[in-house]
């Protein structure tokens, strides 16, 4: 039984939470990620983010949505998921 929270206890609990959220995400076609935790010895708050996963397997994160909005303004024609090569390195747009 847990009587107080410390870093190790939070890591253990968050690992179990992340595993459970992954199962829920797979069931519903979502990407669910832990987004941060704050704690004291007697309580903690863990945040998570959810994103719809499109049919091509790309999560529609806030960053990906923002990219889709702002890329055309700057003349960028690549879409999220597209790859390009620059100086011999291949990069993929993720958002």
Protein backbone atom coordinates (compact mmCIF):
# COMPACT_ATOMS: atom_id res chain seq x y z
CA UNK A 1 0.00 0.00 0.00
CA UNK A 2 1.25 3.49 -0.84
CA UNK A 3 1.50 5.85 2.13
CA UNK A 4 3.21 8.78 0.36
CA UNK A 5 4.34 9.80 -3.12
CA UNK A 6 7.94 10.19 -4.24
CA UNK A 7 9.59 10.16 -7.68
CA UNK A 8 9.93 6.40 -7.82
CA UNK A 9 6.33 5.80 -6.75
CA UNK A 10 5.09 8.26 -9.39
CA UNK A 11 7.23 6.58 -12.08
CA UNK A 12 5.78 3.19 -11.15
CA UNK A 13 2.19 4.43 -11.19
CA UNK A 14 2.66 6.40 -14.42
CA UNK A 15 4.11 3.33 -16.13
CA UNK A 16 0.95 1.41 -15.26
CA UNK A 17 -1.26 4.33 -16.31
CA UNK A 18 0.58 4.63 -19.65
CA UNK A 19 0.09 0.92 -20.31
CA UNK A 20 -3.64 1.17 -19.55
CA UNK A 21 -3.99 4.29 -21.72
CA UNK A 22 -2.22 2.54 -24.59
CA UNK A 23 -4.77 -0.27 -24.46
CA UNK A 24 -7.64 2.23 -24.41
CA UNK A 25 -6.04 4.11 -27.32
CA UNK A 26 -5.69 0.95 -29.39
CA UNK A 27 -9.31 0.04 -28.69
CA UNK A 28 -10.60 3.43 -29.85
CA UNK A 29 -8.04 4.36 -32.54
CA UNK A 30 -6.41 7.10 -30.49
CA UNK A 31 -2.89 8.06 -29.55
CA UNK A 32 -2.84 8.76 -25.83
CA UNK A 33 0.34 10.05 -24.18
CA UNK A 34 1.19 11.13 -20.65
CA UNK A 35 1.90 14.86 -20.69
CA UNK A 36 3.33 15.60 -17.27
CA UNK A 37 2.95 14.97 -13.58
CA UNK A 38 3.18 17.15 -10.50
CA UNK A 39 3.13 15.70 -7.02
CA UNK A 40 3.47 16.28 -3.32
CA UNK A 41 3.88 13.62 -0.63
CA UNK A 42 0.08 13.27 -0.32
CA UNK A 43 -1.31 13.73 -3.87
CA UNK A 44 -0.42 13.97 -7.54
CA UNK A 45 -1.84 15.14 -10.85
CA UNK A 46 -1.04 13.45 -14.14
CA UNK A 47 -2.11 14.96 -17.45
CA UNK A 48 -2.46 13.18 -20.76
CA UNK A 49 -3.17 14.11 -24.36
CA UNK A 50 -5.38 12.31 -26.87
CA UNK A 51 -5.18 12.50 -30.64
CA UNK A 52 -7.20 10.85 -33.39
CA UNK A 53 -5.13 8.52 -35.56
CA UNK A 54 -5.94 8.88 -39.26
CA UNK A 55 -6.39 5.94 -41.65
CA UNK A 56 -2.74 6.26 -42.73
CA UNK A 57 -1.59 5.81 -39.12
CA UNK A 58 -0.62 9.45 -38.44
CA UNK A 59 -1.76 10.90 -35.11
CA UNK A 60 -3.52 14.23 -35.54
CA UNK A 61 -1.72 15.95 -32.69
CA UNK A 62 -2.07 19.64 -31.92
CA UNK A 63 1.32 20.17 -33.55
CA UNK A 64 0.24 18.32 -36.70
CA UNK A 65 -2.98 20.38 -36.88
CA UNK A 66 -1.02 23.61 -36.39
CA UNK A 67 1.41 22.55 -39.13
CA UNK A 68 -1.51 21.99 -41.53
CA UNK A 69 -2.77 25.51 -40.77
CA UNK A 70 0.51 27.42 -40.90
CA UNK A 71 2.57 25.56 -43.53
CA UNK A 72 0.64 26.98 -46.52
CA UNK A 73 1.03 30.52 -45.13
CA UNK A 74 4.80 30.06 -45.41
CA UNK A 75 4.67 28.40 -48.82
CA UNK A 76 5.38 24.90 -47.52
CA UNK A 77 3.62 22.29 -49.66
CA UNK A 78 4.69 19.17 -47.76
CA UNK A 79 2.00 17.48 -45.66
CA UNK A 80 2.32 15.73 -42.30
CA UNK A 81 3.82 12.30 -43.00
CA UNK A 82 5.76 13.44 -46.10
CA UNK A 83 9.52 12.88 -46.20
CA UNK A 84 12.25 14.95 -47.81
CA UNK A 85 16.03 14.82 -48.10
CA UNK A 86 18.28 17.72 -47.09
CA UNK A 87 22.09 17.48 -47.27
CA UNK A 88 21.88 13.70 -47.51
CA UNK A 89 19.63 13.30 -44.44
CA UNK A 90 16.00 12.17 -44.77
CA UNK A 91 13.44 13.94 -42.60
CA UNK A 92 9.73 13.20 -42.08
CA UNK A 93 7.19 15.90 -41.24
CA UNK A 94 5.44 14.97 -37.98
CA UNK A 95 3.92 18.32 -37.07
